Amino acid sequence: MSLQELHREVDKKWSAHLAETRRLLRIPSVSMTGEGIEESAHAVADMLSKLGAKPKLFRGSKGSHPLVTGYLDVGADKTGILYGMYDVQPVGDLDEWDHPPFGATIVKKKPHGEVLVNRGACNSKGALAGMLLAVRTMLEKDEMPLNMHFVIEGEEECGGLSLPRYIVKNKERLSKADVAFGFDYNENSEGVPVISLGLKGVVYFDLIAEGNADTGGPMKDEVHSGEASWVHNPAWRLVQALSTLVDTDQRPTVDGLWDDIRDPDEDDRELIRNVAPRFDSEAYLDDLGVARFKGEGTMEEMITKYLFEPTLNIDGLISGYTDRGTKTVIPKSAMAKIDIRTVPDMTIEGTRAKVMAHLRRRGFTDIRMRTYEDYPWSKVSPRETISKACVEAMRYHGKEPEVWPMMAGSAPFYLFDQVLGIPWGGVGLGFGGNAHAPNEFAVVKGMRDFEKSVMTVMQIFAAQGESGSAARKSRRAH
């Protein structure tokens, strides 16, 4: 069966596929609170069952959300790993939503036409449903070109333990795969597919200042602010410490943080030279709702900085009285939530250690750090078979993609290239917006095109390059 015929099958089944996607989206799956997680995990497991993949739920620890796993053997020479996520961000302020956040409401939205509004529609539960439905369509027509391991996590938004512990536990078996796929709606607002060959890492931590015997400050309860003449305020202590971490342009100034950074290579620079003339900075700023970039330079210089320099960001500051009206107090503690986006060759432990050493050198020995599960950076070559297959797939659909050497976001793909030693990739048609924000949406037509593009990438990858066994031997040799 040709690709065109497979794509027509999606068109025939689209009403049913859309209905099934909406059913999955209507199940809450907020990993930060656990709302709906178990029900959503079982719904995903049911979708794997329909593929014949015999799903299992794996928990990395007693409190972990389940990783939904399964294996599909179609007798193919090549094997893939299909990664997805069923968890979503919290809804936030309900008053800011125009439609119920778990209503899977379809409405008209200029200039996109019909859009589906729901938390997770864009990031990334809608794409998860589309991936599994694309595989189902190929199976129904006996055209599934790859054996497939499924790893669908419910902790991506909160950095859980289930996925990394499962990958490490099953490393010998999973490392025999030829590729890992991670698909999403990758068209930008102009309809151009964007292929990313790398991801920044993310190191997330809290910095906490508290009243203590050495520096003073309240140690039991808040103190009346009239005592500020002689009582130390932990909030000021934290603000003073934070101010040493960046310069006036908010570039990191942590001692030694830049020492381990790898410069972009010639492949990276060539990709940047290719995308820079096509990059519409005004449209990008408009999508972000931002008036201007910080810093100056040519577009190539700005993109290079964006992709290959670390950032240090304050996600939130928490201290003292924050309700309406007045309450004059010296708080007993202050906390800043920080993320550092890391680039090759920065490490998680090295980054944490450098932050704390930097603070100690400046006398902030009382500031403590609370850490979380973090993601290292990840990167694949444009010469990999999967990278070429993604480009060819978009051209098959009449789209000339932008190929970026990195992206500023983070995902746990290091588990594939750094732990399992296999390349990863994936690109999908489709567009969505307001991820992590109210009124998150995906364009309905793009969701249908997405299913088709998943098929295209898998079919082209399976048809290219060495046989699966030869590719694995070659990778081990290198």
Protein backbone atom coordinates (compact mmCIF):
# COMPACT_ATOMS: atom_id res chain seq x y z
CA MET A 1 0.00 0.00 0.00
CA SER A 2 1.38 3.43 -0.94
CA LEU A 3 1.75 6.33 1.46
CA GLN A 4 -1.06 8.12 -0.35
CA GLU A 5 -3.36 5.18 0.31
CA LEU A 6 -2.36 5.08 3.98
CA HIS A 7 -3.05 8.80 4.27
CA ARG A 8 -6.48 8.32 2.73
CA GLU A 9 -7.21 5.79 5.48
CA VAL A 10 -6.66 8.56 8.02
CA ASP A 11 -9.16 10.73 6.15
CA LYS A 12 -11.70 7.91 6.16
CA LYS A 13 -11.31 7.28 9.88
CA TRP A 14 -10.81 10.88 10.96
CA SER A 15 -14.16 11.40 12.71
CA ALA A 16 -13.57 8.31 14.85
CA HIS A 17 -9.93 9.24 15.51
CA LEU A 18 -10.87 12.76 16.57
CA ALA A 19 -13.55 11.41 18.90
CA GLU A 20 -11.05 9.02 20.49
CA THR A 21 -8.49 11.78 20.91
CA ARG A 22 -11.10 13.98 22.59
CA ARG A 23 -12.01 11.16 24.99
CA LEU A 24 -8.40 10.85 26.07
CA LEU A 25 -7.99 14.62 26.44
CA ARG A 26 -11.07 14.90 28.63
CA ILE A 27 -9.42 12.74 31.29
CA PRO A 28 -7.39 15.06 33.55
CA SER A 29 -3.78 13.96 34.03
CA VAL A 30 -2.04 16.67 36.05
CA SER A 31 1.26 15.20 37.20
CA MET A 32 1.95 17.93 39.77
CA THR A 33 -1.23 17.05 41.71
CA GLY A 34 -1.93 13.50 40.52
CA GLU A 35 -5.42 14.45 39.35
CA GLY A 36 -6.68 11.83 36.89
CA ILE A 37 -3.25 10.23 36.44
CA GLU A 38 -4.31 6.65 37.12
CA GLU A 39 -7.38 6.85 34.90
CA SER A 40 -5.37 8.43 32.10
CA ALA A 41 -2.61 5.81 32.37
CA HIS A 42 -5.17 3.03 32.04
CA ALA A 43 -6.76 4.78 29.05
CA VAL A 44 -3.35 4.88 27.32
CA ALA A 45 -2.79 1.23 28.25
CA ASP A 46 -6.11 0.41 26.61
CA MET A 47 -4.94 2.12 23.41
CA LEU A 48 -1.78 -0.03 23.47
CA SER A 49 -3.89 -3.13 23.99
CA LYS A 50 -5.73 -2.35 20.77
CA LEU A 51 -2.34 -2.43 19.04
CA GLY A 52 -1.54 -5.86 20.47
CA ALA A 53 1.30 -4.41 22.55
CA LYS A 54 0.39 -6.05 25.94
CA PRO A 55 0.76 -2.94 28.12
CA LYS A 56 2.36 -2.88 31.55
CA LEU A 57 2.57 -0.11 34.14
CA PHE A 58 6.01 0.59 35.63
CA ARG A 59 6.60 2.81 38.66
CA GLY A 60 10.07 4.10 39.41
CA SER A 61 9.32 4.56 43.09
CA LYS A 62 6.46 4.12 45.52
CA GLY A 63 5.12 7.61 44.81
CA SER A 64 5.77 7.62 41.05
CA HIS A 65 3.14 7.98 38.38
CA PRO A 66 3.00 4.94 36.09
CA LEU A 67 5.02 4.66 32.91
CA VAL A 68 2.92 2.83 30.33
CA THR A 69 5.06 0.34 28.39
CA GLY A 70 4.52 -2.26 25.74
CA TYR A 71 6.20 -4.04 22.82
CA LEU A 72 4.83 -4.63 19.35
CA ASP A 73 6.52 -7.30 17.21
CA VAL A 74 5.51 -7.24 13.56
CA GLY A 75 8.49 -9.27 12.34
CA ALA A 76 10.27 -6.22 10.91
CA ASP A 77 14.03 -6.01 10.56
CA LYS A 78 14.21 -2.64 12.31
CA THR A 79 12.94 -1.70 15.76
CA GLY A 80 11.98 1.66 17.19
CA ILE A 81 11.15 3.15 20.56
CA LEU A 82 8.09 5.40 20.58
CA TYR A 83 8.22 7.99 23.35
CA GLY A 84 5.21 10.00 24.50
CA MET A 85 3.70 11.66 27.55
CA TYR A 86 0.19 11.59 28.92
CA ASP A 87 0.64 14.07 31.79
CA VAL A 88 -0.18 17.76 31.55
CA GLN A 89 0.43 21.01 33.39
CA PRO A 90 -1.97 22.35 36.05
CA VAL A 91 -4.94 24.31 34.71
CA GLY A 92 -4.22 27.49 36.63
CA ASP A 93 -6.88 30.19 36.97
CA LEU A 94 -10.16 28.81 35.64
CA ASP A 95 -11.46 32.34 35.08
CA GLU A 96 -8.83 32.81 32.36
CA TRP A 97 -10.17 29.88 30.31
CA ASP A 98 -12.81 30.64 27.69
CA HIS A 99 -13.80 26.95 27.61
CA PRO A 100 -13.55 24.10 30.13
CA PRO A 101 -9.89 23.02 30.36
CA PHE A 102 -10.87 19.35 30.05
CA GLY A 103 -13.86 19.77 27.76
CA ALA A 104 -12.02 19.11 24.46
CA THR A 105 -14.12 21.91 22.96
CA ILE A 106 -13.89 22.56 19.22
CA VAL A 107 -14.36 26.20 18.23
CA LYS A 108 -13.43 28.55 15.40
CA LYS A 109 -10.31 30.63 15.98
CA LYS A 110 -8.88 33.09 13.49
CA PRO A 111 -6.74 32.57 11.47
CA HIS A 112 -6.60 28.81 12.13
CA GLY A 113 -10.17 27.68 11.53
CA GLU A 114 -11.33 24.90 13.85
CA VAL A 115 -9.21 24.40 16.97
CA LEU A 116 -9.53 21.99 19.87
CA VAL A 117 -9.18 23.73 23.26
CA ASN A 118 -7.99 21.58 26.15
CA ARG A 119 -5.12 21.30 28.57
CA GLY A 120 -2.66 18.95 26.86
CA ALA A 121 -4.12 19.46 23.38
CA CYS A 122 -0.82 20.96 22.24
CA ASN A 123 1.60 19.75 24.91
CA SER A 124 1.52 16.85 24.27
CA LYS A 125 -1.40 14.52 24.92
CA GLY A 126 -3.06 15.33 21.61
CA ALA A 127 0.07 14.26 19.75
CA LEU A 128 0.28 11.10 21.87
CA ALA A 129 -3.17 10.04 20.71
CA GLY A 130 -2.26 10.86 17.12
CA MET A 131 0.91 8.74 17.25
CA LEU A 132 -0.93 5.70 18.57
CA LEU A 133 -3.76 6.09 16.08
CA ALA A 134 -1.27 6.37 13.21
CA VAL A 135 0.34 3.09 14.32
CA ARG A 136 -3.10 1.49 14.58
CA THR A 137 -3.99 2.53 11.03
CA MET A 138 -0.77 1.02 9.66
CA LEU A 139 -1.37 -2.19 11.60
CA GLU A 140 -4.93 -2.48 10.29
CA LYS A 141 -3.55 -2.34 6.74
CA ASP A 142 -0.61 -4.65 7.53
CA GLU A 143 1.77 -1.77 6.76
CA MET A 144 3.52 -1.26 10.11
CA PRO A 145 7.19 -1.09 9.03
CA LEU A 146 8.87 -1.36 12.44
CA ASN A 147 8.74 -3.37 15.62
CA MET A 148 8.08 -0.90 18.42
CA HIS A 149 8.79 -0.43 22.11
CA PHE A 150 6.32 2.01 23.71
CA VAL A 151 7.38 4.20 26.65
CA ILE A 152 4.60 6.63 27.58
CA GLU A 153 5.30 8.61 30.73
CA GLY A 154 3.10 10.44 33.19
CA GLU A 155 5.81 12.51 34.86
CA GLU A 156 7.37 14.61 32.11
CA GLU A 157 6.02 17.85 33.56
CA CYS A 158 7.35 17.13 37.05
CA GLY A 159 10.60 15.27 36.32
CA GLY A 160 9.73 11.86 37.73
CA LEU A 161 11.74 8.68 38.18
CA SER A 162 9.74 6.11 36.24
CA LEU A 163 11.14 6.71 32.74
CA PRO A 164 14.87 6.91 33.60
CA ARG A 165 14.71 3.93 35.95
CA TYR A 166 12.83 1.85 33.37
CA ILE A 167 15.35 2.74 30.65
CA VAL A 168 18.33 1.85 32.85
CA LYS A 169 16.68 -1.35 34.09
CA ASN A 170 15.95 -2.47 30.50
CA LYS A 171 19.07 -1.01 28.90
CA GLU A 172 20.36 -4.25 27.36
CA ARG A 173 17.06 -4.94 25.58
CA LEU A 174 16.21 -1.36 24.57
CA SER A 175 19.70 -0.51 23.31
CA LYS A 176 19.18 -3.03 20.49
CA ALA A 177 16.62 -0.69 18.93
CA ASP A 178 17.63 1.31 15.89
CA VAL A 179 15.94 4.62 16.67
CA ALA A 180 13.78 6.43 19.19
CA PHE A 181 10.87 8.54 17.98
CA GLY A 182 9.48 11.64 19.67
CA PHE A 183 6.70 13.25 17.61
CA ASP A 184 4.91 16.52 18.22
CA TYR A 185 3.05 19.28 16.37
CA ASN A 186 6.11 20.94 14.85
CA GLU A 187 4.75 23.51 12.42
CA ASN A 188 5.19 27.13 13.43
CA SER A 189 2.46 29.75 13.04
CA GLU A 190 3.54 30.28 9.42
CA GLY A 191 3.05 26.59 8.58
CA VAL A 192 6.78 25.75 8.41
CA PRO A 193 7.82 22.47 10.07
CA VAL A 194 10.68 22.93 12.52
CA ILE A 195 13.04 19.99 13.07
CA SER A 196 15.26 20.14 16.15
CA LEU A 197 18.35 17.95 16.40
CA GLY A 198 19.14 18.76 20.00
CA LEU A 199 17.68 19.82 23.32
CA LYS A 200 19.08 21.92 26.10
CA GLY A 201 19.22 20.28 29.48
CA VAL A 202 17.46 21.73 32.50
CA VAL A 203 18.76 21.90 36.07
CA TYR A 204 15.97 22.98 38.42
CA PHE A 205 16.44 23.86 42.06
CA ASP A 206 15.19 26.03 44.90
CA LEU A 207 17.48 28.47 46.70
CA ILE A 208 16.29 29.04 50.26
CA ALA A 209 17.27 31.64 52.86
CA GLU A 210 16.02 31.25 56.42
CA GLY A 211 16.49 32.92 59.75
CA ASN A 212 19.34 31.21 61.59
CA ALA A 213 21.75 31.61 64.49
CA ASP A 214 24.64 32.83 62.33
CA THR A 215 23.01 35.55 60.24
CA GLY A 216 20.02 36.30 62.44
CA GLY A 217 16.45 36.65 61.26
CA PRO A 218 13.23 35.07 62.54
CA MET A 219 13.70 31.41 63.42
CA LYS A 220 10.19 30.54 64.69
CA ASP A 221 7.57 32.94 63.35
CA GLU A 222 7.33 36.17 61.40
CA VAL A 223 8.50 39.28 63.24
CA HIS A 224 6.93 42.76 63.19
CA SER A 225 8.69 44.87 60.55
CA GLY A 226 9.26 47.57 63.13
CA GLU A 227 12.14 45.38 64.29
CA ALA A 228 13.88 45.72 60.92
CA SER A 229 16.45 48.14 62.35
CA TRP A 230 18.12 45.25 64.11
CA VAL A 231 16.57 42.00 62.81
CA HIS A 232 17.93 40.42 59.66
CA ASN A 233 15.43 39.79 56.79
CA PRO A 234 15.95 36.47 54.89
CA ALA A 235 14.17 37.90 51.84
CA TRP A 236 16.83 40.60 51.42
CA ARG A 237 19.51 37.99 52.01
CA LEU A 238 18.16 35.88 49.16
CA VAL A 239 17.74 38.85 46.81
CA GLN A 240 21.35 39.89 47.43
CA ALA A 241 22.54 36.35 46.71
CA LEU A 242 20.49 36.10 43.52
CA SER A 243 21.87 39.39 42.22
CA THR A 244 25.36 37.83 42.03
CA LEU A 245 24.25 35.05 39.68
CA VAL A 246 23.67 37.18 36.54
CA ASP A 247 24.89 40.44 35.03
CA THR A 248 22.77 43.44 34.02
CA ASP A 249 21.81 41.66 30.78
CA GLN A 250 20.76 38.62 32.85
CA ARG A 251 23.54 36.41 31.45
CA PRO A 252 24.87 33.90 33.99
CA THR A 253 27.93 35.01 35.96
CA VAL A 254 28.28 31.90 38.13
CA ASP A 255 31.98 31.17 38.63
CA GLY A 256 33.16 28.50 36.20
CA LEU A 257 29.76 27.92 34.60
CA TRP A 258 31.07 28.69 31.13
CA ASP A 259 34.23 26.56 31.43
CA ASP A 260 32.75 23.29 30.14
CA ILE A 261 30.70 24.67 27.26
CA ARG A 262 31.33 23.15 23.84
CA ASP A 263 31.32 25.54 20.91
CA PRO A 264 28.94 24.74 18.04
CA ASP A 265 30.65 22.68 15.33
CA GLU A 266 30.58 23.34 11.61
CA ASP A 267 27.40 21.30 11.11
CA ASP A 268 25.72 23.43 13.76
CA ARG A 269 26.95 26.67 12.21
CA GLU A 270 25.82 25.62 8.75
CA LEU A 271 22.31 24.87 10.04
CA ILE A 272 22.22 28.26 11.77
CA ARG A 273 23.33 30.00 8.56
CA ASN A 274 20.48 28.24 6.77
CA VAL A 275 17.71 29.15 9.24
CA ALA A 276 18.80 32.70 10.06
CA PRO A 277 17.54 34.31 6.80
CA ARG A 278 14.17 32.53 7.17
CA PHE A 279 13.66 33.39 10.82
CA ASP A 280 10.89 35.95 11.26
CA SER A 281 11.84 37.63 14.53
CA GLU A 282 8.78 39.92 14.55
CA ALA A 283 6.38 36.99 14.17
CA TYR A 284 8.27 35.06 16.83
CA LEU A 285 8.10 37.96 19.28
CA ASP A 286 4.41 38.38 18.51
CA ASP A 287 3.77 34.69 19.23
CA LEU A 288 5.54 35.11 22.58
CA GLY A 289 3.76 38.34 23.41
CA VAL A 290 7.11 40.10 23.90
CA ALA A 291 8.12 43.53 22.57
CA ARG A 292 11.85 42.93 21.99
CA PHE A 293 14.72 40.53 22.50
CA LYS A 294 17.37 41.25 25.10
CA GLY A 295 20.84 41.77 23.70
CA GLU A 296 21.91 42.71 20.21
CA GLY A 297 23.70 41.14 17.26
CA THR A 298 23.18 39.70 13.81
CA MET A 299 20.46 37.09 13.48
CA GLU A 300 23.12 34.35 13.26
CA GLU A 301 24.72 35.65 16.46
CA MET A 302 21.38 35.86 18.25
CA ILE A 303 20.37 32.33 17.23
CA THR A 304 23.77 30.95 18.23
CA LYS A 305 23.42 32.58 21.64
CA TYR A 306 19.86 31.27 21.97
CA LEU A 307 20.87 27.68 21.23
CA PHE A 308 24.39 27.33 22.59
CA GLU A 309 24.57 29.54 25.67
CA PRO A 310 23.24 28.58 29.11
CA THR A 311 20.54 30.62 30.81
CA LEU A 312 19.76 31.17 34.49
CA ASN A 313 16.12 31.96 35.10
CA ILE A 314 14.04 32.84 38.17
CA ASP A 315 10.74 30.96 37.83
CA GLY A 316 9.24 32.29 41.04
CA LEU A 317 9.96 34.12 44.29
CA ILE A 318 8.11 33.21 47.47
CA SER A 319 8.37 34.99 50.81
CA GLY A 320 6.34 36.67 53.49
CA TYR A 321 2.93 38.24 53.05
CA THR A 322 1.60 38.22 49.46
CA ASP A 323 -2.16 38.69 49.83
CA ARG A 324 -4.02 41.93 49.17
CA GLY A 325 -3.74 44.78 51.63
CA THR A 326 -0.95 45.28 54.14
CA LYS A 327 0.77 43.18 56.75
CA THR A 328 4.08 44.52 58.02
CA VAL A 329 6.33 41.55 58.78
CA ILE A 330 9.86 40.26 58.51
CA PRO A 331 9.43 36.80 56.95
CA LYS A 332 11.22 33.84 58.46
CA SER A 333 12.25 32.45 55.04
CA ALA A 334 12.48 33.24 51.35
CA MET A 335 12.70 30.89 48.37
CA ALA A 336 13.57 31.35 44.71
CA LYS A 337 12.74 28.68 42.15
CA ILE A 338 15.53 28.58 39.57
CA ASP A 339 16.18 26.79 36.31
CA ILE A 340 19.44 26.69 34.38
CA ARG A 341 19.23 25.53 30.77
CA THR A 342 22.42 23.62 30.05
CA VAL A 343 24.25 23.08 26.77
CA PRO A 344 26.94 20.61 25.63
CA ASP A 345 29.12 19.68 27.63
CA MET A 346 27.66 20.95 30.92
CA THR A 347 26.70 18.41 33.57
CA ILE A 348 23.92 18.44 36.16
CA GLU A 349 26.10 17.80 39.22
CA GLY A 350 28.77 20.20 37.98
CA THR A 351 26.22 22.96 37.45
CA ARG A 352 24.72 22.57 40.91
CA ALA A 353 28.16 22.47 42.52
CA LYS A 354 29.30 25.63 40.73
CA VAL A 355 26.24 27.58 41.89
CA MET A 356 26.80 26.63 45.52
CA ALA A 357 30.57 27.27 45.35
CA HIS A 358 29.88 30.69 43.79
CA LEU A 359 27.56 31.61 46.68
CA ARG A 360 29.95 30.31 49.33
CA ARG A 361 32.82 32.42 47.94
CA ARG A 362 30.66 35.49 48.43
CA GLY A 363 29.76 34.66 51.99
CA PHE A 364 26.30 33.22 51.35
CA THR A 365 27.04 30.04 53.27
CA ASP A 366 23.55 30.06 54.79
CA ILE A 367 21.75 29.73 51.44
CA ARG A 368 20.71 26.13 50.84
CA MET A 369 19.70 24.32 47.66
CA ARG A 370 16.80 21.88 47.19
CA THR A 371 17.16 19.78 44.03
CA TYR A 372 14.82 17.91 41.70
CA GLU A 373 15.09 15.30 38.93
CA ASP A 374 16.80 17.03 36.01
CA TYR A 375 17.45 16.45 32.30
CA PRO A 376 20.90 16.55 30.69
CA TRP A 377 21.22 18.05 27.21
CA SER A 378 20.81 15.79 24.17
CA LYS A 379 21.98 16.00 20.56
CA VAL A 380 21.97 14.02 17.29
CA SER A 381 23.77 14.56 14.00
CA PRO A 382 22.08 15.86 10.86
CA ARG A 383 23.74 12.89 9.12
CA GLU A 384 21.76 10.29 11.09
CA THR A 385 19.26 8.28 9.07
CA ILE A 386 16.39 9.51 11.25
CA SER A 387 17.43 13.15 10.75
CA LYS A 388 17.42 12.68 6.98
CA ALA A 389 14.12 10.79 7.11
CA CYS A 390 12.46 13.69 8.94
CA VAL A 391 13.58 16.17 6.29
CA GLU A 392 12.49 13.89 3.45
CA ALA A 393 9.11 13.28 5.12
CA MET A 394 8.33 16.99 5.32
CA ARG A 395 9.32 17.45 1.69
CA TYR A 396 7.01 14.58 0.78
CA HIS A 397 4.21 16.63 2.32
CA GLY A 398 5.21 19.67 0.26
CA LYS A 399 6.90 21.48 3.15
CA GLU A 400 10.50 22.68 3.27
CA PRO A 401 11.46 22.33 6.94
CA GLU A 402 13.71 24.49 9.05
CA VAL A 403 16.38 22.27 10.62
CA TRP A 404 17.75 23.62 13.89
CA PRO A 405 20.82 22.12 15.60
CA MET A 406 19.24 22.59 19.04
CA MET A 407 16.12 23.90 20.69
CA ALA A 408 15.90 25.84 23.94
CA GLY A 409 13.38 23.47 25.53
CA SER A 410 14.17 20.24 27.36
CA ALA A 411 12.93 16.66 27.24
CA PRO A 412 14.37 13.35 28.50
CA PHE A 413 15.84 12.32 25.13
CA TYR A 414 19.31 12.01 26.68
CA LEU A 415 18.08 8.57 27.76
CA PHE A 416 18.18 7.51 24.13
CA ASP A 417 21.47 8.94 22.83
CA GLN A 418 23.49 9.10 26.06
CA VAL A 419 22.17 6.05 27.95
CA LEU A 420 21.02 3.64 25.22
CA GLY A 421 23.39 4.88 22.52
CA ILE A 422 20.73 5.18 19.81
CA PRO A 423 19.76 8.19 17.71
CA TRP A 424 16.41 9.89 18.14
CA GLY A 425 14.23 12.13 16.04
CA GLY A 426 10.76 12.89 14.85
CA VAL A 427 8.80 15.69 13.26
CA GLY A 428 5.09 16.16 12.83
CA LEU A 429 2.78 18.40 10.91
CA GLY A 430 0.28 20.38 12.94
CA PHE A 431 0.22 23.55 15.00
CA GLY A 432 -0.88 24.41 18.51
CA GLY A 433 -0.45 27.17 21.03
CA ASN A 434 -0.77 28.38 24.62
CA ALA A 435 1.10 25.39 26.03
CA HIS A 436 1.22 25.73 29.85
CA ALA A 437 -1.20 28.68 29.56
CA PRO A 438 -4.99 29.15 29.57
CA ASN A 439 -6.87 28.18 26.39
CA GLU A 440 -4.24 25.73 25.17
CA PHE A 441 -5.23 24.58 21.69
CA ALA A 442 -4.36 22.50 18.64
CA VAL A 443 -5.57 23.14 15.10
CA VAL A 444 -7.94 20.32 14.14
CA LYS A 445 -6.80 20.03 10.51
CA GLY A 446 -3.21 19.91 11.72
CA MET A 447 -4.07 17.06 14.07
CA ARG A 448 -5.23 14.99 11.10
CA ASP A 449 -2.15 15.95 9.08
CA PHE A 450 -0.02 14.99 12.09
CA GLU A 451 -1.20 11.37 11.95
CA LYS A 452 -0.26 11.22 8.29
CA SER A 453 3.19 12.69 8.92
CA VAL A 454 3.93 10.14 11.67
CA MET A 455 3.28 7.39 9.12
CA THR A 456 5.47 9.14 6.56
CA VAL A 457 8.46 9.47 8.89
CA MET A 458 8.27 5.84 10.02
CA GLN A 459 7.85 4.50 6.49
CA ILE A 460 10.74 6.55 5.10
CA PHE A 461 13.03 5.68 8.01
CA ALA A 462 12.29 1.97 7.66
CA ALA A 463 13.07 2.09 3.94
CA GLN A 464 16.38 3.97 4.31
CA GLY A 465 19.88 2.93 5.17
CA GLU A 466 21.23 -0.33 6.51
CA SER A 467 19.18 -3.21 7.79
CA GLY A 468 18.44 -3.10 11.48
CA SER A 469 21.02 -5.73 12.42
CA ALA A 470 23.75 -4.08 10.33
CA ALA A 471 22.97 -0.66 11.80
CA ARG A 472 23.25 -2.00 15.35
CA LYS A 473 26.60 -3.67 14.58
CA SER A 474 27.91 -0.46 13.02
CA ARG A 475 26.78 1.65 16.00
CA ARG A 476 28.45 -0.71 18.50
CA ALA A 477 31.65 -0.65 16.45
CA HIS A 478 31.78 3.11 16.74
